[in-house]
Amino acid sequence: MSSSAIPLSVLGGFLGAGKTTLLNHVLSGDHGLRVTVLVNDFGSINIDAELIANRNGDTISLANGCACCSVGGDLTAALLAVQRRPEPPEHLLIEASGVADPWKIAQIGLAGRAFRLDGIIGVADAEMVREHAGDRYVGDTVRRQLAAADIVVLNKTDLVSDDYRRGLRAWMAHEFPRAGLIEAEQARVPAALLFGIAAAPGLPAAGKEEHRHPFDSWTCSSDRPLERAHLVELIEALPRGVLRAKGILCLADDPERRTVFQLSGKRSMFTAGDPWGATQAGSRLVLIGLPGAIDALWLQQRFESS
């Protein structure tokens, strides 16, 4: 898959979890990314009229470079329309309906070579998710949604007690161990966690965000080619609290071109990129995680030995 493919994320979660609230934050946020959001229903998105640059049929273009497009019942046609935009997005976010399987939607989006999967984001209502997951009628749907997610936004945590939240974290870790877990109020989540780290060279740079979050980050660079197998060992040894990683790497088994690396939850991917050309070959890796999840000294030692 080409490194120039548009990163694609799918947003899933059961009815009432807070997906629409999260989408509103993305569309109005000062994150510095040109994001296109595909939604099933324009009416559910509360876009401030002052943010709208223009509206043309099934597309609302915003002053911050983002756009909101209606799927209109045909996701394939909507994806083709995104590809034909004069300025293709730097990231595409598809909203799944509250009863849809986000993994199946991700497969539709990846049918061609124009997109690459950046991650599946699940939103869960902290008050209701365990009840919904155990319900005889909707439990299977909720569990499929959460099992498909690379990262789960545990929303509305301000509505539950600290003891309940601790028990809920333990339940999520047991039932859905492959997903990174982010706790949130009113679905406010840093764009870097939703769309990957945007600080590695050759990747779009994220701007400031209005709402700061207590996440740890770590960055390291190297001028020499790195061993892929050693990096894989490092990635597999990362604690669960490391939620996102992205980098441009020079690997010893393919030193003539860039290798794009990304991690979302427990899913990671190496993608062959463009030749270095006249640019000095080198590697830069950025990680972001929950407080206390990143041991900078340990990471530095393991990275330098790669």
C-alpha atoms as a PDB file:
ATOM      1  CA  MET A   1       0.000   0.000   0.000  1.00  0.00           C
ATOM      2  CA  SER A   2       1.351   3.431  -0.935  1.00  0.00           C
ATOM      3  CA  SER A   3       2.523   5.742   1.833  1.00  0.00           C
ATOM      4  CA  SER A   4       0.711   8.536  -0.035  1.00  0.00           C
ATOM      5  CA  ALA A   5      -2.644   6.844   0.578  1.00  0.00           C
ATOM      6  CA  ILE A   6      -5.094   8.886   2.667  1.00  0.00           C
ATOM      7  CA  PRO A   7      -5.197   7.709   6.315  1.00  0.00           C
ATOM      8  CA  LEU A   8      -8.667   6.415   7.155  1.00  0.00           C
ATOM      9  CA  SER A   9     -10.249   5.987  10.578  1.00  0.00           C
ATOM     10  CA  VAL A  10     -13.624   4.476  11.397  1.00  0.00           C
ATOM     11  CA  LEU A  11     -15.592   5.761  14.394  1.00  0.00           C
ATOM     12  CA  GLY A  12     -17.884   3.180  15.952  1.00  0.00           C
ATOM     13  CA  GLY A  13     -19.879   2.736  19.108  1.00  0.00           C
ATOM     14  CA  PHE A  14     -23.378   1.989  20.299  1.00  0.00           C
ATOM     15  CA  LEU A  15     -26.271   4.433  20.238  1.00  0.00           C
ATOM     16  CA  GLY A  16     -25.820   7.308  22.680  1.00  0.00           C
ATOM     17  CA  ALA A  17     -22.142   6.682  23.401  1.00  0.00           C
ATOM     18  CA  GLY A  18     -21.069  10.145  22.210  1.00  0.00           C
ATOM     19  CA  LYS A  19     -19.854   9.672  18.622  1.00  0.00           C
ATOM     20  CA  THR A  20     -21.623  12.786  17.344  1.00  0.00           C
ATOM     21  CA  THR A  21     -20.182  14.911  20.147  1.00  0.00           C
ATOM     22  CA  LEU A  22     -16.715  13.669  19.267  1.00  0.00           C
ATOM     23  CA  LEU A  23     -17.292  14.471  15.584  1.00  0.00           C
ATOM     24  CA  ASN A  24     -18.319  18.014  16.476  1.00  0.00           C
ATOM     25  CA  HIS A  25     -15.045  18.472  18.365  1.00  0.00           C
ATOM     26  CA  VAL A  26     -13.080  17.187  15.363  1.00  0.00           C
ATOM     27  CA  LEU A  27     -14.832  19.470  12.892  1.00  0.00           C
ATOM     28  CA  SER A  28     -14.487  22.584  15.036  1.00  0.00           C
ATOM     29  CA  GLY A  29     -11.110  21.815  16.607  1.00  0.00           C
ATOM     30  CA  ASP A  30      -7.862  23.716  16.164  1.00  0.00           C
ATOM     31  CA  HIS A  31      -5.837  20.576  15.385  1.00  0.00           C
ATOM     32  CA  GLY A  32      -4.137  21.724  12.175  1.00  0.00           C
ATOM     33  CA  LEU A  33      -5.320  18.769  10.083  1.00  0.00           C
ATOM     34  CA  ARG A  34      -7.497  18.904   6.961  1.00  0.00           C
ATOM     35  CA  VAL A  35      -9.982  16.220   8.014  1.00  0.00           C
ATOM     36  CA  THR A  36     -12.987  15.040   6.018  1.00  0.00           C
ATOM     37  CA  VAL A  37     -15.752  13.396   8.032  1.00  0.00           C
ATOM     38  CA  LEU A  38     -18.283  11.089   6.352  1.00  0.00           C
ATOM     39  CA  VAL A  39     -21.581  10.963   8.231  1.00  0.00           C
ATOM     40  CA  ASN A  40     -24.901   9.249   7.674  1.00  0.00           C
ATOM     41  CA  ASP A  41     -27.000  12.254   8.703  1.00  0.00           C
ATOM     42  CA  PHE A  42     -26.063  15.943   8.451  1.00  0.00           C
ATOM     43  CA  GLY A  43     -28.860  16.789  10.842  1.00  0.00           C
ATOM     44  CA  SER A  44     -27.156  15.133  13.802  1.00  0.00           C
ATOM     45  CA  ILE A  45     -24.001  17.256  13.434  1.00  0.00           C
ATOM     46  CA  ASN A  46     -24.201  20.625  15.166  1.00  0.00           C
ATOM     47  CA  ILE A  47     -21.818  22.727  13.082  1.00  0.00           C
ATOM     48  CA  ASP A  48     -21.505  26.358  14.138  1.00  0.00           C
ATOM     49  CA  ALA A  49     -22.709  28.517  11.242  1.00  0.00           C
ATOM     50  CA  GLU A  50     -19.705  30.802  11.718  1.00  0.00           C
ATOM     51  CA  LEU A  51     -17.382  27.904  10.852  1.00  0.00           C
ATOM     52  CA  ILE A  52     -19.038  27.106   7.514  1.00  0.00           C
ATOM     53  CA  ALA A  53     -17.084  28.431   4.521  1.00  0.00           C
ATOM     54  CA  ASN A  54     -19.558  27.072   1.960  1.00  0.00           C
ATOM     55  CA  ARG A  55     -22.096  24.323   1.401  1.00  0.00           C
ATOM     56  CA  ASN A  56     -22.393  22.442  -1.873  1.00  0.00           C
ATOM     57  CA  GLY A  57     -24.919  19.633  -2.066  1.00  0.00           C
ATOM     58  CA  ASP A  58     -23.813  16.828   0.224  1.00  0.00           C
ATOM     59  CA  THR A  59     -20.661  18.623   1.435  1.00  0.00           C
ATOM     60  CA  ILE A  60     -20.126  21.319   4.060  1.00  0.00           C
ATOM     61  CA  SER A  61     -16.667  22.918   3.873  1.00  0.00           C
ATOM     62  CA  LEU A  62     -15.354  24.632   6.990  1.00  0.00           C
ATOM     63  CA  ALA A  63     -13.031  27.572   7.442  1.00  0.00           C
ATOM     64  CA  ASN A  64     -10.428  25.425   9.262  1.00  0.00           C
ATOM     65  CA  GLY A  65      -9.939  23.180   6.198  1.00  0.00           C
ATOM     66  CA  CYS A  66     -12.155  20.368   7.449  1.00  0.00           C
ATOM     67  CA  ALA A  67     -15.190  19.090   5.557  1.00  0.00           C
ATOM     68  CA  CYS A  68     -18.300  17.130   6.456  1.00  0.00           C
ATOM     69  CA  CYS A  69     -19.835  14.933   3.749  1.00  0.00           C
ATOM     70  CA  SER A  70     -23.054  12.928   3.770  1.00  0.00           C
ATOM     71  CA  VAL A  71     -22.712   9.270   2.820  1.00  0.00           C
ATOM     72  CA  GLY A  72     -26.182   9.336   1.300  1.00  0.00           C
ATOM     73  CA  GLY A  73     -26.587   5.583   1.557  1.00  0.00           C
ATOM     74  CA  ASP A  74     -23.660   4.773  -0.763  1.00  0.00           C
ATOM     75  CA  LEU A  75     -20.302   4.675   0.998  1.00  0.00           C
ATOM     76  CA  THR A  76     -18.388   3.695  -2.143  1.00  0.00           C
ATOM     77  CA  ALA A  77     -19.687   6.741  -4.022  1.00  0.00           C
ATOM     78  CA  ALA A  78     -18.826   8.966  -1.065  1.00  0.00           C
ATOM     79  CA  LEU A  79     -15.260   7.602  -0.991  1.00  0.00           C
ATOM     80  CA  LEU A  80     -14.849   8.260  -4.714  1.00  0.00           C
ATOM     81  CA  ALA A  81     -16.082  11.814  -4.176  1.00  0.00           C
ATOM     82  CA  VAL A  82     -13.479  12.318  -1.443  1.00  0.00           C
ATOM     83  CA  GLN A  83     -10.733  11.184  -3.819  1.00  0.00           C
ATOM     84  CA  ARG A  84     -11.900  13.670  -6.455  1.00  0.00           C
ATOM     85  CA  ARG A  85     -11.850  16.695  -4.148  1.00  0.00           C
ATOM     86  CA  PRO A  86      -9.518  19.492  -5.371  1.00  0.00           C
ATOM     87  CA  GLU A  87      -7.677  19.253  -2.052  1.00  0.00           C
ATOM     88  CA  PRO A  88      -7.815  15.655  -0.796  1.00  0.00           C
ATOM     89  CA  PRO A  89      -8.045  15.405   2.994  1.00  0.00           C
ATOM     90  CA  GLU A  90      -5.045  14.668   5.159  1.00  0.00           C
ATOM     91  CA  HIS A  91      -7.272  12.282   7.093  1.00  0.00           C
ATOM     92  CA  LEU A  92     -10.660  10.663   6.468  1.00  0.00           C
ATOM     93  CA  LEU A  93     -12.966   9.780   9.348  1.00  0.00           C
ATOM     94  CA  ILE A  94     -16.030   7.602   8.686  1.00  0.00           C
ATOM     95  CA  GLU A  95     -18.825   7.540  11.242  1.00  0.00           C
ATOM     96  CA  ALA A  96     -20.450   4.124  11.608  1.00  0.00           C
ATOM     97  CA  SER A  97     -24.073   4.006  12.686  1.00  0.00           C
ATOM     98  CA  GLY A  98     -24.802   3.023  16.273  1.00  0.00           C
ATOM     99  CA  VAL A  99     -25.621  -0.574  15.312  1.00  0.00           C
ATOM    100  CA  ALA A 100     -23.033  -1.073  12.532  1.00  0.00           C
ATOM    101  CA  ASP A 101     -19.890  -3.220  12.592  1.00  0.00           C
ATOM    102  CA  PRO A 102     -16.976  -0.755  12.170  1.00  0.00           C
ATOM    103  CA  TRP A 103     -14.623  -3.497  10.968  1.00  0.00           C
ATOM    104  CA  LYS A 104     -16.826  -4.228   7.949  1.00  0.00           C
ATOM    105  CA  ILE A 105     -16.922  -0.529   7.107  1.00  0.00           C
ATOM    106  CA  ALA A 106     -13.128  -0.358   7.324  1.00  0.00           C
ATOM    107  CA  GLN A 107     -12.873  -3.159   4.766  1.00  0.00           C
ATOM    108  CA  ILE A 108     -15.061  -1.253   2.300  1.00  0.00           C
ATOM    109  CA  GLY A 109     -12.858   1.793   2.674  1.00  0.00           C
ATOM    110  CA  LEU A 110      -9.737  -0.258   2.044  1.00  0.00           C
ATOM    111  CA  ALA A 111     -11.015  -1.997  -1.074  1.00  0.00           C
ATOM    112  CA  GLY A 112      -8.779   0.199  -3.257  1.00  0.00           C
ATOM    113  CA  ARG A 113      -5.297   1.628  -2.868  1.00  0.00           C
ATOM    114  CA  ALA A 114      -6.337   5.226  -2.215  1.00  0.00           C
ATOM    115  CA  PHE A 115      -6.773   4.756   1.546  1.00  0.00           C
ATOM    116  CA  ARG A 116      -4.887   3.082   4.374  1.00  0.00           C
ATOM    117  CA  LEU A 117      -6.381   2.144   7.730  1.00  0.00           C
ATOM    118  CA  ASP A 118      -5.096   4.384  10.507  1.00  0.00           C
ATOM    119  CA  GLY A 119      -7.321   2.973  13.202  1.00  0.00           C
ATOM    120  CA  ILE A 120     -10.766   1.970  14.398  1.00  0.00           C
ATOM    121  CA  ILE A 121     -11.971   4.163  17.241  1.00  0.00           C
ATOM    122  CA  GLY A 122     -14.742   2.940  19.504  1.00  0.00           C
ATOM    123  CA  VAL A 123     -16.775   5.172  21.797  1.00  0.00           C
ATOM    124  CA  ALA A 124     -18.370   3.626  24.883  1.00  0.00           C
ATOM    125  CA  ASP A 125     -20.730   5.096  27.463  1.00  0.00           C
ATOM    126  CA  ALA A 126     -19.067   4.545  30.856  1.00  0.00           C
ATOM    127  CA  GLU A 127     -22.448   4.316  32.592  1.00  0.00           C
ATOM    128  CA  MET A 128     -24.077   1.876  30.190  1.00  0.00           C
ATOM    129  CA  VAL A 129     -21.443  -0.137  28.327  1.00  0.00           C
ATOM    130  CA  ARG A 130     -21.390  -3.144  30.657  1.00  0.00           C
ATOM    131  CA  GLU A 131     -25.180  -3.309  30.718  1.00  0.00           C
ATOM    132  CA  HIS A 132     -25.367  -3.025  26.930  1.00  0.00           C
ATOM    133  CA  ALA A 133     -22.642  -5.644  26.451  1.00  0.00           C
ATOM    134  CA  GLY A 134     -24.623  -8.104  28.556  1.00  0.00           C
ATOM    135  CA  ASP A 135     -27.991  -7.415  26.960  1.00  0.00           C
ATOM    136  CA  ARG A 136     -29.546 -10.417  25.199  1.00  0.00           C
ATOM    137  CA  TYR A 137     -30.656  -8.310  22.228  1.00  0.00           C
ATOM    138  CA  VAL A 138     -27.835  -5.819  21.604  1.00  0.00           C
ATOM    139  CA  GLY A 139     -24.931  -7.403  23.498  1.00  0.00           C
ATOM    140  CA  ASP A 140     -23.391  -9.110  20.465  1.00  0.00           C
ATOM    141  CA  THR A 141     -23.450  -5.860  18.489  1.00  0.00           C
ATOM    142  CA  VAL A 142     -21.794  -3.877  21.289  1.00  0.00           C
ATOM    143  CA  ARG A 143     -19.119  -6.509  21.814  1.00  0.00           C
ATOM    144  CA  ARG A 144     -18.301  -6.669  18.093  1.00  0.00           C
ATOM    145  CA  GLN A 145     -17.921  -2.893  18.015  1.00  0.00           C
ATOM    146  CA  LEU A 146     -15.555  -2.854  20.974  1.00  0.00           C
ATOM    147  CA  ALA A 147     -13.609  -5.925  19.824  1.00  0.00           C
ATOM    148  CA  ALA A 148     -12.902  -4.240  16.479  1.00  0.00           C
ATOM    149  CA  ALA A 149     -11.555  -1.056  18.076  1.00  0.00           C
ATOM    150  CA  ASP A 150      -7.856  -0.240  18.279  1.00  0.00           C
ATOM    151  CA  ILE A 151      -8.644   2.540  20.746  1.00  0.00           C
ATOM    152  CA  VAL A 152     -11.762   2.838  22.918  1.00  0.00           C
ATOM    153  CA  VAL A 153     -12.843   6.255  24.161  1.00  0.00           C
ATOM    154  CA  LEU A 154     -14.522   5.553  27.489  1.00  0.00           C
ATOM    155  CA  ASN A 155     -16.849   8.541  27.495  1.00  0.00           C
ATOM    156  CA  LYS A 156     -18.959  10.179  30.226  1.00  0.00           C
ATOM    157  CA  THR A 157     -16.544   9.141  32.972  1.00  0.00           C
ATOM    158  CA  ASP A 158     -17.657  12.183  34.965  1.00  0.00           C
ATOM    159  CA  LEU A 159     -21.006  10.446  35.492  1.00  0.00           C
ATOM    160  CA  VAL A 160     -19.611   7.430  37.394  1.00  0.00           C
ATOM    161  CA  SER A 161     -17.793   7.065  40.711  1.00  0.00           C
ATOM    162  CA  ASP A 162     -14.053   6.483  40.999  1.00  0.00           C
ATOM    163  CA  ASP A 163     -14.637   2.939  42.281  1.00  0.00           C
ATOM    164  CA  TYR A 164     -16.943   2.144  39.374  1.00  0.00           C
ATOM    165  CA  ARG A 165     -14.440   3.579  36.906  1.00  0.00           C
ATOM    166  CA  ARG A 166     -11.630   1.426  38.302  1.00  0.00           C
ATOM    167  CA  GLY A 167     -13.796  -1.674  37.994  1.00  0.00           C
ATOM    168  CA  LEU A 168     -14.797  -0.669  34.473  1.00  0.00           C
ATOM    169  CA  ARG A 169     -11.149  -0.281  33.405  1.00  0.00           C
ATOM    170  CA  ALA A 170     -10.389  -3.771  34.734  1.00  0.00           C
ATOM    171  CA  TRP A 171     -13.418  -5.199  32.903  1.00  0.00           C
ATOM    172  CA  MET A 172     -12.415  -3.537  29.632  1.00  0.00           C
ATOM    173  CA  ALA A 173      -8.832  -4.821  29.947  1.00  0.00           C
ATOM    174  CA  HIS A 174     -10.111  -8.359  30.478  1.00  0.00           C
ATOM    175  CA  GLU A 175     -12.839  -8.369  27.830  1.00  0.00           C
ATOM    176  CA  PHE A 176     -11.080  -6.309  25.126  1.00  0.00           C
ATOM    177  CA  PRO A 177      -7.329  -6.577  25.803  1.00  0.00           C
ATOM    178  CA  ARG A 178      -6.141  -5.426  22.357  1.00  0.00           C
ATOM    179  CA  ALA A 179      -7.673  -1.944  22.597  1.00  0.00           C
ATOM    180  CA  GLY A 180      -6.000   1.099  24.091  1.00  0.00           C
ATOM    181  CA  LEU A 181      -8.300   2.853  26.561  1.00  0.00           C
ATOM    182  CA  ILE A 182      -8.819   6.626  26.830  1.00  0.00           C
ATOM    183  CA  GLU A 183     -11.087   8.102  29.485  1.00  0.00           C
ATOM    184  CA  ALA A 184     -12.987  11.224  28.457  1.00  0.00           C
ATOM    185  CA  GLU A 185     -15.672  13.668  29.450  1.00  0.00           C
ATOM    186  CA  GLN A 186     -18.012  15.039  26.770  1.00  0.00           C
ATOM    187  CA  ALA A 187     -15.994  13.034  24.194  1.00  0.00           C
ATOM    188  CA  ARG A 188     -13.048  15.456  24.312  1.00  0.00           C
ATOM    189  CA  VAL A 189      -9.979  13.595  23.033  1.00  0.00           C
ATOM    190  CA  PRO A 190      -6.688  15.000  21.655  1.00  0.00           C
ATOM    191  CA  ALA A 191      -6.449  14.767  17.885  1.00  0.00           C
ATOM    192  CA  ALA A 192      -3.020  13.113  18.217  1.00  0.00           C
ATOM    193  CA  LEU A 193      -4.697  10.088  19.810  1.00  0.00           C
ATOM    194  CA  LEU A 194      -7.491   9.906  17.264  1.00  0.00           C
ATOM    195  CA  PHE A 195      -5.382  10.413  14.149  1.00  0.00           C
ATOM    196  CA  GLY A 196      -1.923   9.268  15.175  1.00  0.00           C
ATOM    197  CA  ILE A 197       1.101  11.332  16.093  1.00  0.00           C
ATOM    198  CA  ALA A 198       1.563  14.156  13.613  1.00  0.00           C
ATOM    199  CA  ALA A 199       5.069  15.196  14.621  1.00  0.00           C
ATOM    200  CA  ALA A 200       7.341  12.892  12.636  1.00  0.00           C
ATOM    201  CA  PRO A 201       9.134  14.396   9.615  1.00  0.00           C
ATOM    202  CA  GLY A 202       7.152  14.124   6.397  1.00  0.00           C
ATOM    203  CA  LEU A 203       3.844  13.893   8.251  1.00  0.00           C
ATOM    204  CA  PRO A 204       1.289  16.689   8.741  1.00  0.00           C
ATOM    205  CA  ALA A 205       2.012  18.786  11.817  1.00  0.00           C
ATOM    206  CA  ALA A 206      -0.721  19.064  14.385  1.00  0.00           C
ATOM    207  CA  GLY A 207      -1.550  22.466  15.789  1.00  0.00           C
ATOM    208  CA  LYS A 208      -2.381  23.511  19.332  1.00  0.00           C
ATOM    209  CA  GLU A 209      -5.466  22.125  21.019  1.00  0.00           C
ATOM    210  CA  GLU A 210      -7.843  24.048  23.213  1.00  0.00           C
ATOM    211  CA  HIS A 211      -8.226  21.274  25.789  1.00  0.00           C
ATOM    212  CA  ARG A 212      -5.002  19.896  27.248  1.00  0.00           C
ATOM    213  CA  HIS A 213      -4.821  16.294  28.441  1.00  0.00           C
ATOM    214  CA  PRO A 214      -2.289  14.713  30.826  1.00  0.00           C
ATOM    215  CA  PHE A 215      -0.691  12.308  28.349  1.00  0.00           C
ATOM    216  CA  ASP A 216       2.994  11.449  28.179  1.00  0.00           C
ATOM    217  CA  SER A 217       4.992  11.503  24.957  1.00  0.00           C
ATOM    218  CA  TRP A 218       8.464  10.397  23.876  1.00  0.00           C
ATOM    219  CA  THR A 219      10.492  11.172  20.772  1.00  0.00           C
ATOM    220  CA  CYS A 220      13.736   9.670  19.558  1.00  0.00           C
ATOM    221  CA  SER A 221      15.802   9.929  16.370  1.00  0.00           C
ATOM    222  CA  SER A 222      18.706   8.076  14.806  1.00  0.00           C
ATOM    223  CA  ASP A 223      20.949   8.654  11.779  1.00  0.00           C
ATOM    224  CA  ARG A 224      21.810   4.994  11.231  1.00  0.00           C
ATOM    225  CA  PRO A 225      19.647   2.258   9.678  1.00  0.00           C
ATOM    226  CA  LEU A 226      17.607   0.316  12.221  1.00  0.00           C
ATOM    227  CA  GLU A 227      16.949  -3.409  12.366  1.00  0.00           C
ATOM    228  CA  ARG A 228      13.287  -4.193  11.711  1.00  0.00           C
ATOM    229  CA  ALA A 229      13.287  -7.299  13.927  1.00  0.00           C
ATOM    230  CA  HIS A 230      14.636  -5.329  16.897  1.00  0.00           C
ATOM    231  CA  LEU A 231      11.985  -2.667  16.418  1.00  0.00           C
ATOM    232  CA  VAL A 232       9.257  -5.319  16.300  1.00  0.00           C
ATOM    233  CA  GLU A 233      10.546  -6.693  19.618  1.00  0.00           C
ATOM    234  CA  LEU A 234      10.444  -3.205  21.093  1.00  0.00           C
ATOM    235  CA  ILE A 235       6.886  -2.637  19.849  1.00  0.00           C
ATOM    236  CA  GLU A 236       5.677  -5.960  21.211  1.00  0.00           C
ATOM    237  CA  ALA A 237       7.159  -5.114  24.615  1.00  0.00           C
ATOM    238  CA  LEU A 238       5.399  -1.744  24.907  1.00  0.00           C
ATOM    239  CA  PRO A 239       2.978  -1.525  27.843  1.00  0.00           C
ATOM    240  CA  ARG A 240      -0.752  -1.324  27.189  1.00  0.00           C
ATOM    241  CA  GLY A 241      -0.769   2.327  28.212  1.00  0.00           C
ATOM    242  CA  VAL A 242       1.131   3.309  25.052  1.00  0.00           C
ATOM    243  CA  LEU A 243      -1.782   4.233  22.797  1.00  0.00           C
ATOM    244  CA  ARG A 244      -0.266   5.724  19.660  1.00  0.00           C
ATOM    245  CA  ALA A 245       3.014   5.807  17.785  1.00  0.00           C
ATOM    246  CA  LYS A 246       4.125   7.080  14.412  1.00  0.00           C
ATOM    247  CA  GLY A 247       7.430   7.558  12.709  1.00  0.00           C
ATOM    248  CA  ILE A 248       9.491   7.826   9.566  1.00  0.00           C
ATOM    249  CA  LEU A 249      12.178   5.152   9.676  1.00  0.00           C
ATOM    250  CA  CYS A 250      15.304   4.125   7.814  1.00  0.00           C
ATOM    251  CA  LEU A 251      15.431   0.333   8.042  1.00  0.00           C
ATOM    252  CA  ALA A 252      18.505  -1.765   7.361  1.00  0.00           C
ATOM    253  CA  ASP A 253      16.565  -4.123   5.076  1.00  0.00           C
ATOM    254  CA  ASP A 254      15.274  -1.214   2.916  1.00  0.00           C
ATOM    255  CA  PRO A 255      17.640   1.732   3.470  1.00  0.00           C
ATOM    256  CA  GLU A 256      17.030   3.456   0.123  1.00  0.00           C
ATOM    257  CA  ARG A 257      13.497   4.595   0.980  1.00  0.00           C
ATOM    258  CA  ARG A 258      11.436   5.758   3.911  1.00  0.00           C
ATOM    259  CA  THR A 259       9.392   3.320   5.955  1.00  0.00           C
ATOM    260  CA  VAL A 260       6.288   4.777   7.599  1.00  0.00           C
ATOM    261  CA  PHE A 261       5.428   3.203  10.936  1.00  0.00           C
ATOM    262  CA  GLN A 262       2.227   3.596  12.911  1.00  0.00           C
ATOM    263  CA  LEU A 263       0.719   1.995  15.974  1.00  0.00           C
ATOM    264  CA  SER A 264      -2.879   2.285  17.163  1.00  0.00           C
ATOM    265  CA  GLY A 265      -3.713   0.359  20.295  1.00  0.00           C
ATOM    266  CA  LYS A 266      -2.096  -3.028  19.758  1.00  0.00           C
ATOM    267  CA  ARG A 267      -2.182  -2.904  15.952  1.00  0.00           C
ATOM    268  CA  SER A 268       1.002  -1.778  14.216  1.00  0.00           C
ATOM    269  CA  MET A 269       2.037  -1.418  10.579  1.00  0.00           C
ATOM    270  CA  PHE A 270       5.170  -0.764   8.532  1.00  0.00           C
ATOM    271  CA  THR A 271       4.463   0.808   5.123  1.00  0.00           C
ATOM    272  CA  ALA A 272       7.030   1.300   2.361  1.00  0.00           C
ATOM    273  CA  GLY A 273       7.363   4.976   1.503  1.00  0.00           C
ATOM    274  CA  ASP A 274       9.156   7.173  -1.013  1.00  0.00           C
ATOM    275  CA  PRO A 275      12.912   7.061  -1.757  1.00  0.00           C
ATOM    276  CA  TRP A 276      15.073   9.354   0.377  1.00  0.00           C
ATOM    277  CA  GLY A 277      16.497  11.010  -2.719  1.00  0.00           C
ATOM    278  CA  ALA A 278      18.608  14.018  -1.735  1.00  0.00           C
ATOM    279  CA  THR A 279      17.190  13.975   1.815  1.00  0.00           C
ATOM    280  CA  GLN A 280      19.462  12.658   4.552  1.00  0.00           C
ATOM    281  CA  ALA A 281      18.186   9.227   5.602  1.00  0.00           C
ATOM    282  CA  GLY A 282      17.292   8.875   9.267  1.00  0.00           C
ATOM    283  CA  SER A 283      14.640   7.750  11.715  1.00  0.00           C
ATOM    284  CA  ARG A 284      12.293   9.568  14.053  1.00  0.00           C
ATOM    285  CA  LEU A 285       9.775   7.808  16.264  1.00  0.00           C
ATOM    286  CA  VAL A 286       7.099   9.447  18.410  1.00  0.00           C
ATOM    287  CA  LEU A 287       4.999   7.715  21.088  1.00  0.00           C
ATOM    288  CA  ILE A 288       2.104   8.975  23.184  1.00  0.00           C
ATOM    289  CA  GLY A 289       0.505   7.221  26.120  1.00  0.00           C
ATOM    290  CA  LEU A 290      -1.218   7.423  29.453  1.00  0.00           C
ATOM    291  CA  PRO A 291       0.623   9.037  32.378  1.00  0.00           C
ATOM    292  CA  GLY A 292       3.343   6.717  33.682  1.00  0.00           C
ATOM    293  CA  ALA A 293       3.126   4.354  30.700  1.00  0.00           C
ATOM    294  CA  ILE A 294       6.279   5.641  29.000  1.00  0.00           C
ATOM    295  CA  ASP A 295       9.657   4.774  30.529  1.00  0.00           C
ATOM    296  CA  ALA A 296      11.911   7.163  28.605  1.00  0.00           C
ATOM    297  CA  LEU A 297      15.208   5.608  29.769  1.00  0.00           C
ATOM    298  CA  TRP A 298      14.079   2.069  28.886  1.00  0.00           C
ATOM    299  CA  LEU A 299      12.775   3.199  25.514  1.00  0.00           C
ATOM    300  CA  GLN A 300      15.978   5.103  24.732  1.00  0.00           C
ATOM    301  CA  GLN A 301      18.137   2.079  25.503  1.00  0.00           C
ATOM    302  CA  ARG A 302      15.979  -0.290  23.466  1.00  0.00           C
ATOM    303  CA  PHE A 303      15.705   2.126  20.530  1.00  0.00           C
ATOM    304  CA  GLU A 304      19.455   2.758  20.394  1.00  0.00           C
ATOM    305  CA  SER A 305      20.137  -0.982  20.392  1.00  0.00           C
ATOM    306  CA  SER A 306      17.793  -1.571  17.445  1.00  0.00           C
END
